[in-house]
N, C-alpha and C. Protein backbone atom coordinates (compact mmCIF):
# COMPACT_ATOMS: atom_id res chain seq x y z
N UNK A 1 2.94 -11.10 11.69
CA UNK A 1 2.56 -10.90 10.40
C UNK A 1 1.35 -9.83 10.36
N UNK A 2 1.63 -9.11 9.48
CA UNK A 2 0.52 -7.94 9.30
C UNK A 2 -0.85 -8.26 8.84
N UNK A 3 -1.61 -7.62 9.43
CA UNK A 3 -3.16 -7.82 8.76
C UNK A 3 -4.06 -6.46 8.67
N UNK A 4 -4.89 -6.63 7.72
CA UNK A 4 -5.49 -5.57 7.25
C UNK A 4 -6.97 -5.73 8.08
N UNK A 5 -7.54 -4.69 8.48
CA UNK A 5 -8.53 -4.63 9.36
C UNK A 5 -9.89 -4.05 8.55
N UNK A 6 -10.91 -4.95 8.20
CA UNK A 6 -11.93 -4.33 7.49
C UNK A 6 -12.93 -3.82 8.62
N UNK A 7 -13.65 -2.73 8.72
CA UNK A 7 -14.60 -2.12 9.37
C UNK A 7 -15.83 -1.70 8.79
N UNK A 8 -16.94 -2.18 9.28
CA UNK A 8 -18.30 -1.84 9.19
C UNK A 8 -18.66 -0.98 10.20
N UNK A 9 -18.91 0.24 10.34
CA UNK A 9 -19.03 0.94 11.16
C UNK A 9 -20.56 1.29 11.40
N UNK A 10 -21.19 1.19 12.54
CA UNK A 10 -22.47 1.69 12.70
C UNK A 10 -22.87 2.38 14.06
N UNK A 11 -23.83 3.11 14.17
CA UNK A 11 -24.13 3.70 15.46
C UNK A 11 -24.16 2.98 16.66
N UNK A 12 -24.67 1.82 16.64
CA UNK A 12 -24.73 0.79 17.66
C UNK A 12 -23.76 -0.30 17.80
N UNK A 13 -23.51 -0.76 16.74
CA UNK A 13 -22.57 -1.98 16.29
C UNK A 13 -21.57 -1.77 15.33
N UNK A 14 -20.39 -2.43 15.39
CA UNK A 14 -19.47 -2.36 14.41
C UNK A 14 -18.93 -3.73 14.18
N UNK A 15 -19.03 -4.02 12.98
CA UNK A 15 -18.60 -5.51 12.37
C UNK A 15 -16.96 -5.43 12.04
N UNK A 16 -16.28 -6.41 12.30
CA UNK A 16 -14.89 -6.37 11.77
C UNK A 16 -14.49 -7.49 11.25
N UNK A 17 -13.56 -7.47 10.39
CA UNK A 17 -13.05 -8.62 9.75
C UNK A 17 -11.53 -8.39 9.57
N UNK A 18 -10.75 -9.50 9.42
CA UNK A 18 -9.49 -9.37 9.50
C UNK A 18 -8.74 -10.02 8.15
N UNK A 19 -7.78 -9.69 7.73
CA UNK A 19 -7.21 -10.45 6.34
C UNK A 19 -6.50 -11.67 6.99
N UNK A 20 -6.06 -12.57 6.15
CA UNK A 20 -5.10 -13.62 6.44
C UNK A 20 -3.55 -13.06 6.37
N UNK A 21 -2.73 -13.59 7.09
CA UNK A 21 -1.46 -12.90 7.05
C UNK A 21 -0.83 -12.36 5.71
N UNK A 22 -1.16 -13.29 4.81
CA UNK A 22 -0.67 -12.77 3.41
C UNK A 22 -1.63 -11.68 2.43
N UNK A 23 -2.70 -11.44 3.11
CA UNK A 23 -3.55 -10.54 2.37
C UNK A 23 -4.23 -10.84 1.42
N UNK A 24 -4.75 -12.39 1.54
CA UNK A 24 -5.23 -12.86 0.23
C UNK A 24 -6.74 -12.71 0.52
N UNK A 25 -7.31 -12.91 1.56
CA UNK A 25 -8.56 -13.19 1.98
C UNK A 25 -9.05 -12.56 3.35
N UNK A 26 -10.38 -12.07 3.36
CA UNK A 26 -11.05 -11.58 4.65
C UNK A 26 -11.60 -12.52 5.37
N UNK A 27 -11.45 -12.49 6.62
CA UNK A 27 -12.54 -13.49 7.52
C UNK A 27 -13.13 -12.53 8.32
N UNK A 28 -14.53 -12.97 8.64
CA UNK A 28 -15.13 -12.19 9.76
C UNK A 28 -14.56 -12.45 11.06
N UNK A 29 -14.39 -11.34 11.82
CA UNK A 29 -14.00 -11.59 13.19
C UNK A 29 -14.71 -11.30 14.36
N UNK A 30 -15.53 -10.13 14.37
CA UNK A 30 -16.28 -9.92 15.71
C UNK A 30 -17.28 -8.89 15.39
N UNK A 31 -18.26 -8.79 16.02
CA UNK A 31 -19.13 -7.55 16.23
C UNK A 31 -18.84 -6.66 17.79
N UNK A 32 -18.69 -5.66 17.56
CA UNK A 32 -18.54 -5.02 18.89
C UNK A 32 -19.19 -3.66 19.17
N UNK A 33 -19.79 -3.48 20.28
CA UNK A 33 -20.44 -2.13 20.36
C UNK A 33 -19.50 -1.12 20.18
N UNK A 34 -20.29 -0.03 19.32
CA UNK A 34 -19.33 0.81 18.84
C UNK A 34 -18.80 1.89 19.81
N UNK A 35 -19.37 2.00 20.89
CA UNK A 35 -18.59 2.79 22.02
C UNK A 35 -17.43 2.06 22.38
N UNK A 36 -17.09 0.84 21.93
CA UNK A 36 -15.98 0.17 22.58
C UNK A 36 -15.08 -0.02 21.30
N UNK A 37 -15.13 0.31 20.34
CA UNK A 37 -14.42 -0.09 19.12
C UNK A 37 -13.10 0.19 19.13
N UNK A 38 -12.68 1.34 19.74
CA UNK A 38 -11.10 1.81 19.77
C UNK A 38 -10.36 0.79 20.69
N UNK A 39 -11.29 0.74 21.90
CA UNK A 39 -10.57 -0.19 23.15
C UNK A 39 -10.47 -1.63 22.29
N UNK A 40 -11.23 -2.18 21.70
CA UNK A 40 -11.21 -3.40 20.97
C UNK A 40 -9.88 -3.51 20.19
N UNK A 41 -9.73 -2.59 19.33
CA UNK A 41 -8.55 -2.51 18.17
C UNK A 41 -7.52 -2.33 19.03
N UNK A 42 -7.34 -1.68 20.02
CA UNK A 42 -6.11 -1.45 20.59
C UNK A 42 -5.55 -2.93 21.35
N UNK A 43 -6.54 -3.53 21.96
CA UNK A 43 -6.11 -5.00 22.32
C UNK A 43 -5.96 -5.74 21.24
N UNK A 44 -6.36 -5.84 20.08
CA UNK A 44 -6.21 -6.64 18.87
C UNK A 44 -4.85 -6.15 18.50
N UNK A 45 -4.62 -4.85 18.37
CA UNK A 45 -3.14 -4.54 18.03
C UNK A 45 -2.25 -5.06 18.96
N UNK A 46 -2.16 -5.15 20.26
CA UNK A 46 -1.42 -5.59 21.05
C UNK A 46 -0.75 -7.09 20.66
N UNK A 47 -1.79 -7.91 20.09
CA UNK A 47 -1.56 -9.36 19.37
C UNK A 47 -1.01 -9.54 18.40
N UNK A 48 -1.68 -8.63 17.31
CA UNK A 48 -1.28 -8.67 15.90
C UNK A 48 -1.06 -7.31 15.48
N UNK A 49 0.06 -7.11 14.40
CA UNK A 49 0.27 -6.10 13.64
C UNK A 49 -0.86 -5.66 12.61
N UNK A 50 -1.38 -4.44 12.97
CA UNK A 50 -2.28 -3.78 11.84
C UNK A 50 -1.35 -3.02 10.85
N UNK A 51 -1.82 -3.39 9.47
CA UNK A 51 -0.76 -2.53 8.49
C UNK A 51 -1.90 -1.61 7.71
N UNK A 52 -3.26 -1.87 7.93
CA UNK A 52 -4.13 -1.07 7.17
C UNK A 52 -5.72 -1.16 7.81
N UNK A 53 -6.23 -0.26 7.85
CA UNK A 53 -7.67 -0.22 8.33
C UNK A 53 -8.63 0.07 6.91
N UNK A 54 -9.42 -0.65 6.67
CA UNK A 54 -10.31 -0.60 5.61
C UNK A 54 -11.94 -0.38 6.10
N UNK A 55 -12.16 0.84 5.98
CA UNK A 55 -13.44 1.26 6.48
C UNK A 55 -14.69 1.45 5.64
N UNK A 56 -15.66 0.91 5.84
CA UNK A 56 -16.78 1.11 4.83
C UNK A 56 -17.38 2.52 4.91
N UNK A 57 -17.58 2.94 3.49
CA UNK A 57 -17.71 4.28 3.38
C UNK A 57 -19.40 4.42 3.07
N UNK A 58 -20.10 5.09 3.79
CA UNK A 58 -21.63 4.92 3.35
C UNK A 58 -22.11 6.07 2.43
N UNK A 59 -22.51 5.45 1.16
CA UNK A 59 -22.91 6.58 0.14
C UNK A 59 -24.38 6.10 -0.30
N UNK A 60 -25.00 6.65 -0.91
CA UNK A 60 -26.28 6.55 -1.37
C UNK A 60 -26.22 6.09 -2.90
N UNK A 61 -27.35 5.40 -3.32
CA UNK A 61 -27.29 5.04 -4.63
C UNK A 61 -26.74 5.76 -5.65
N UNK A 62 -27.31 6.98 -5.58
CA UNK A 62 -26.55 8.03 -6.47
C UNK A 62 -25.16 8.58 -6.26
N UNK A 63 -24.45 7.96 -5.27
CA UNK A 63 -23.22 8.20 -5.05
C UNK A 63 -23.08 9.35 -4.03
N UNK A 64 -24.07 9.98 -3.44
CA UNK A 64 -23.98 10.97 -2.54
C UNK A 64 -23.84 10.44 -1.23
N UNK A 65 -23.20 11.31 -0.23
CA UNK A 65 -22.98 10.80 1.24
C UNK A 65 -24.31 10.46 1.63
N UNK A 66 -24.23 9.44 2.53
CA UNK A 66 -25.68 8.98 3.49
C UNK A 66 -25.74 9.91 4.64
N UNK A 67 -26.72 9.68 5.11
CA UNK A 67 -26.85 10.44 6.57
C UNK A 67 -26.18 9.89 7.68
N UNK A 68 -25.58 8.64 7.32
CA UNK A 68 -24.74 7.96 8.51
C UNK A 68 -23.28 8.47 8.51
N UNK A 69 -22.97 9.43 7.33
CA UNK A 69 -21.46 9.79 7.07
C UNK A 69 -20.96 10.80 8.20
N UNK A 70 -21.79 11.46 8.88
CA UNK A 70 -21.17 12.22 9.92
C UNK A 70 -20.64 11.22 11.10
N UNK A 71 -21.29 10.23 11.38
CA UNK A 71 -21.01 9.40 12.57
C UNK A 71 -19.75 8.59 11.92
N UNK A 72 -19.67 8.08 10.80
CA UNK A 72 -18.27 7.68 9.98
C UNK A 72 -17.27 8.38 10.36
N UNK A 73 -17.43 9.66 9.79
CA UNK A 73 -16.39 10.50 9.93
C UNK A 73 -15.74 11.01 11.31
N UNK A 74 -16.67 11.13 12.22
CA UNK A 74 -16.28 11.12 13.55
C UNK A 74 -15.56 9.97 14.21
N UNK A 75 -15.71 8.60 13.58
CA UNK A 75 -15.15 7.39 14.17
C UNK A 75 -13.54 7.45 13.27
N UNK A 76 -13.70 7.79 12.11
CA UNK A 76 -12.47 8.29 11.34
C UNK A 76 -11.28 8.86 12.21
N UNK A 77 -11.92 10.11 12.70
CA UNK A 77 -10.96 10.88 13.62
C UNK A 77 -10.34 10.25 14.53
N UNK A 78 -11.46 9.51 15.22
CA UNK A 78 -10.99 8.73 16.63
C UNK A 78 -10.11 7.52 16.23
N UNK A 79 -10.27 7.13 15.20
CA UNK A 79 -9.25 5.80 14.74
C UNK A 79 -8.02 6.44 14.44
N UNK A 80 -7.94 7.67 13.52
CA UNK A 80 -6.71 8.25 13.03
C UNK A 80 -5.81 8.67 14.49
N UNK A 81 -6.66 9.20 15.54
CA UNK A 81 -6.09 9.73 16.78
C UNK A 81 -5.38 8.59 17.27
N UNK A 82 -6.07 7.35 17.62
CA UNK A 82 -5.71 5.97 18.33
C UNK A 82 -4.46 5.35 17.58
N UNK A 83 -4.56 5.52 16.32
CA UNK A 83 -3.56 4.67 15.33
C UNK A 83 -2.92 5.60 14.21
N UNK A 84 -2.10 6.56 14.78
CA UNK A 84 -1.57 7.74 13.72
C UNK A 84 -0.69 7.10 12.52
N UNK A 85 -0.22 6.03 12.94
CA UNK A 85 0.93 5.35 11.98
C UNK A 85 0.15 4.34 10.94
N UNK A 86 -1.14 3.91 11.21
CA UNK A 86 -1.60 3.44 10.52
C UNK A 86 -2.73 3.78 9.33
N UNK A 87 -2.44 3.55 8.10
CA UNK A 87 -3.22 4.13 7.16
C UNK A 87 -4.58 3.53 6.97
N UNK A 88 -5.34 4.41 6.49
CA UNK A 88 -6.86 4.02 6.68
C UNK A 88 -7.51 4.20 4.90
N UNK A 89 -7.95 3.32 4.43
CA UNK A 89 -8.66 3.33 3.20
C UNK A 89 -10.12 3.12 3.40
N UNK A 90 -10.70 3.96 2.31
CA UNK A 90 -12.42 3.84 2.59
C UNK A 90 -12.87 3.08 1.42
N UNK A 91 -13.75 2.32 1.48
CA UNK A 91 -14.29 1.28 0.68
C UNK A 91 -15.77 1.59 0.66
N UNK A 92 -16.25 1.76 -0.63
CA UNK A 92 -17.78 1.89 -0.80
C UNK A 92 -18.30 0.51 -0.24
N UNK A 93 -19.69 0.99 0.71
CA UNK A 93 -20.11 -0.30 1.28
C UNK A 93 -21.62 -0.45 1.01
N UNK A 94 -22.01 0.10 -0.21
CA UNK A 94 -23.13 -0.07 -0.81
C UNK A 94 -23.45 -1.59 -0.92
N UNK A 95 -24.68 -2.29 -0.67
CA UNK A 95 -24.90 -3.50 -1.22
C UNK A 95 -24.40 -4.49 0.03
N UNK A 96 -23.54 -4.15 0.87
CA UNK A 96 -23.00 -5.33 1.69
C UNK A 96 -23.98 -5.90 2.49
N UNK A 97 -24.68 -5.18 3.19
CA UNK A 97 -25.98 -6.09 3.83
C UNK A 97 -26.63 -7.09 3.08
N UNK A 98 -26.76 -6.39 1.82
CA UNK A 98 -27.68 -7.37 0.97
C UNK A 98 -26.54 -8.78 0.70
N UNK A 99 -25.54 -8.17 0.29
CA UNK A 99 -24.57 -9.52 0.01
C UNK A 99 -24.46 -10.29 1.21
N UNK A 100 -24.05 -9.57 2.51
CA UNK A 100 -23.98 -10.41 3.59
C UNK A 100 -25.31 -11.39 3.74
N UNK A 101 -26.48 -10.90 3.61
CA UNK A 101 -27.77 -11.86 3.73
C UNK A 101 -27.58 -12.99 2.86
N UNK A 102 -27.28 -12.49 1.61
CA UNK A 102 -27.05 -13.80 0.47
C UNK A 102 -25.91 -14.78 0.93
N UNK A 103 -24.81 -14.30 1.23
CA UNK A 103 -23.86 -15.28 1.61
C UNK A 103 -24.44 -16.19 2.93
N UNK A 104 -24.93 -15.49 3.93
CA UNK A 104 -25.65 -16.72 5.01
C UNK A 104 -26.83 -17.58 4.26
N UNK A 105 -27.52 -17.21 3.42
CA UNK A 105 -28.54 -18.09 2.88
C UNK A 105 -27.66 -19.11 1.92
N UNK A 106 -26.83 -18.56 1.33
CA UNK A 106 -25.69 -19.57 0.50
C UNK A 106 -25.03 -20.66 1.43
N UNK A 107 -24.84 -20.03 2.58
CA UNK A 107 -24.07 -20.89 3.36
C UNK A 107 -25.13 -21.83 4.26
N UNK A 108 -26.42 -21.73 3.98
CA UNK A 108 -27.12 -22.80 4.76
C UNK A 108 -27.77 -22.28 6.07
N UNK A 109 -27.43 -21.06 6.46
CA UNK A 109 -27.93 -20.37 7.68
C UNK A 109 -29.24 -20.44 7.85
N UNK A 110 -30.04 -20.82 8.99
CA UNK A 110 -31.25 -20.66 9.09
C UNK A 110 -31.88 -19.29 9.04
N UNK A 111 -33.00 -19.04 9.05
CA UNK A 111 -33.65 -17.78 8.96
C UNK A 111 -33.49 -17.22 10.36
N UNK A 112 -33.58 -17.79 11.54
CA UNK A 112 -33.32 -17.34 13.07
C UNK A 112 -31.75 -16.93 13.02
N UNK A 113 -30.83 -17.39 12.62
CA UNK A 113 -29.52 -17.03 12.46
C UNK A 113 -29.28 -15.89 11.66
N UNK A 114 -30.02 -15.78 10.42
CA UNK A 114 -29.90 -14.57 9.62
C UNK A 114 -30.57 -13.16 10.03
N UNK A 115 -31.28 -13.42 11.18
CA UNK A 115 -31.92 -12.32 11.95
C UNK A 115 -30.96 -11.69 12.84
N UNK A 116 -30.02 -12.28 12.98
CA UNK A 116 -28.86 -11.72 14.11
C UNK A 116 -28.07 -10.62 13.37
N UNK A 117 -28.28 -9.23 13.95
CA UNK A 117 -27.84 -8.41 13.06
C UNK A 117 -26.20 -8.29 13.20
N UNK A 118 -25.79 -8.96 14.27
CA UNK A 118 -24.36 -9.03 14.55
C UNK A 118 -23.47 -9.74 13.48
N UNK A 119 -24.21 -10.89 13.25
CA UNK A 119 -23.47 -11.80 12.10
C UNK A 119 -23.53 -10.92 10.70
N UNK A 120 -24.81 -10.12 10.25
CA UNK A 120 -24.64 -9.42 9.28
C UNK A 120 -23.46 -8.27 9.27
N UNK A 121 -23.16 -7.60 10.49
CA UNK A 121 -22.16 -6.65 10.69
C UNK A 121 -20.78 -7.27 10.46
N UNK A 122 -20.64 -8.31 11.05
CA UNK A 122 -19.29 -9.24 10.72
C UNK A 122 -19.15 -9.55 9.37
N UNK A 123 -20.11 -10.01 8.61
CA UNK A 123 -19.87 -10.63 7.31
C UNK A 123 -19.68 -9.42 6.30
N UNK A 124 -20.61 -8.04 6.63
CA UNK A 124 -20.38 -7.03 5.79
C UNK A 124 -18.89 -6.45 5.99
N UNK A 125 -18.51 -6.50 7.22
CA UNK A 125 -16.87 -6.12 7.22
C UNK A 125 -16.20 -7.10 6.47
N UNK A 126 -16.47 -8.20 6.31
CA UNK A 126 -15.30 -9.03 5.52
C UNK A 126 -15.59 -8.96 4.13
N UNK A 127 -17.03 -8.60 3.60
CA UNK A 127 -17.03 -8.00 2.37
C UNK A 127 -16.44 -6.79 1.80
N UNK A 128 -16.49 -6.05 2.82
CA UNK A 128 -15.74 -4.56 2.31
C UNK A 128 -14.41 -4.71 2.54
N UNK A 129 -13.80 -5.64 3.23
CA UNK A 129 -12.26 -5.95 3.19
C UNK A 129 -11.79 -6.79 2.07
N UNK A 130 -12.66 -7.77 1.52
CA UNK A 130 -12.44 -8.46 0.68
C UNK A 130 -12.42 -7.87 -0.76
N UNK A 131 -13.50 -6.60 -0.78
CA UNK A 131 -13.59 -6.02 -1.87
C UNK A 131 -12.24 -5.18 -2.11
N UNK A 132 -11.93 -4.69 -0.91
CA UNK A 132 -10.42 -3.83 -1.12
C UNK A 132 -9.43 -4.64 -1.40
N UNK A 133 -9.06 -5.93 -0.99
CA UNK A 133 -8.23 -6.92 -1.30
C UNK A 133 -7.96 -7.23 -2.56
N UNK A 134 -9.42 -7.53 -3.12
CA UNK A 134 -9.50 -8.03 -4.93
C UNK A 134 -9.21 -6.76 -5.60
N UNK A 135 -9.41 -5.67 -5.21
CA UNK A 135 -9.05 -4.26 -6.02
C UNK A 135 -7.80 -3.80 -5.69
N UNK A 136 -7.19 -4.01 -5.06
CA UNK A 136 -5.56 -3.60 -4.85
C UNK A 136 -4.73 -4.26 -5.76
N UNK A 137 -4.08 -3.62 -6.42
CA UNK A 137 -3.34 -4.22 -7.27
C UNK A 137 -1.81 -4.45 -6.49
N UNK A 138 -1.11 -5.35 -6.52
CA UNK A 138 0.03 -5.84 -6.10
C UNK A 138 -0.12 -6.34 -4.67
N UNK A 139 -1.34 -6.07 -4.10
CA UNK A 139 -1.33 -6.68 -2.64
C UNK A 139 -1.76 -8.15 -2.84
N UNK A 140 -1.36 -8.99 -1.70
CA UNK A 140 -1.58 -10.27 -1.68
C UNK A 140 -0.47 -11.09 -2.15
N UNK A 141 -0.78 -12.38 -2.21
CA UNK A 141 0.37 -13.27 -2.69
C UNK A 141 0.54 -13.78 -4.00
N UNK A 142 1.37 -13.84 -4.64
CA UNK A 142 1.62 -14.27 -5.99
C UNK A 142 2.69 -15.63 -6.11
N UNK A 143 2.15 -16.42 -6.72
CA UNK A 143 2.79 -17.57 -6.70
C UNK A 143 3.88 -17.73 -7.95
N UNK A 144 4.92 -18.06 -7.87
CA UNK A 144 6.02 -18.45 -8.73
C UNK A 144 5.92 -19.92 -9.28
N UNK A 145 5.41 -20.13 -10.30
CA UNK A 145 5.08 -21.47 -10.74
C UNK A 145 6.33 -22.52 -10.76
N UNK A 146 7.47 -21.86 -10.72
CA UNK A 146 8.80 -22.78 -10.74
C UNK A 146 9.04 -23.05 -9.22
N UNK A 147 8.58 -22.34 -8.32
CA UNK A 147 8.75 -22.60 -6.86
C UNK A 147 7.70 -23.91 -6.48
N UNK A 148 7.00 -23.88 -7.14
CA UNK A 148 5.83 -25.09 -6.68
C UNK A 148 6.20 -26.15 -6.98
N UNK A 149 6.64 -27.25 -6.11
CA UNK A 149 7.15 -28.69 -6.32
C UNK A 149 6.09 -29.50 -6.92
N UNK A 150 6.46 -30.48 -7.88
CA UNK A 150 5.48 -31.25 -8.38
C UNK A 150 4.53 -32.09 -7.58
N UNK A 151 3.30 -32.22 -7.71
CA UNK A 151 2.53 -33.20 -6.87
C UNK A 151 2.88 -34.42 -6.91
N UNK A 152 3.19 -35.08 -5.96
CA UNK A 152 3.27 -36.50 -5.75
C UNK A 152 2.09 -37.34 -6.25
N UNK A 153 0.99 -36.93 -5.93
CA UNK A 153 -0.36 -37.81 -6.34
C UNK A 153 -0.43 -37.64 -7.74
N UNK A 154 -0.05 -36.57 -8.47
CA UNK A 154 -0.22 -36.47 -10.02
C UNK A 154 0.86 -37.59 -10.30
N UNK A 155 2.20 -37.70 -10.00
CA UNK A 155 2.90 -38.38 -10.37
C UNK A 155 2.82 -39.70 -10.06
N UNK A 156 2.37 -40.20 -9.04
CA UNK A 156 1.67 -41.67 -8.97
C UNK A 156 0.67 -41.89 -10.19
N UNK A 157 -0.26 -41.11 -10.11
CA UNK A 157 -1.28 -41.41 -11.26
C UNK A 157 -0.73 -41.76 -12.80
N UNK A 158 0.36 -40.64 -13.09
CA UNK A 158 0.94 -41.07 -14.15
C UNK A 158 1.60 -42.22 -14.38
N UNK A 159 2.41 -42.57 -13.27
CA UNK A 159 3.13 -43.73 -13.45
C UNK A 159 2.19 -45.03 -13.47
N UNK A 160 0.86 -44.97 -12.88
CA UNK A 160 0.21 -46.21 -12.98
C UNK A 160 -0.48 -46.40 -14.43
N UNK A 161 -0.71 -45.29 -15.22
CA UNK A 161 -1.13 -45.28 -16.66
C UNK A 161 -0.35 -46.25 -17.55
């Protein structure tokens, strides 16, 4: 089954996330040394079919490119060279680190765990990918209500009344 890969590229570490096979939700996958990211993705692609990369695009609050943009653009060239047939989408990554910290707090992670930058990178990649999935029209799974069988538990409850 096809998977979309979310990437939060950084100079030292890169956070990765993967979609479920239906393209409905993103799951934090791993944090990899940025110098080994292409190698990691090639190994991943040998096990799973990658249908798209969604890369966090670094912009400032005013929408102008951030200082890390040249590094991301260099990575995008490497990615396109290694995976020429896989499309790449760019997703605004503003606030992803803040949101990642909030997710960790809401999830009950202790302060010591929240200081682990690898966790922040993985969760940021999942936020980037989920943002893309949510925004993409026609992507993902749609349910035909006529194809859903009636719930047995609901029928039993009705029969008891």
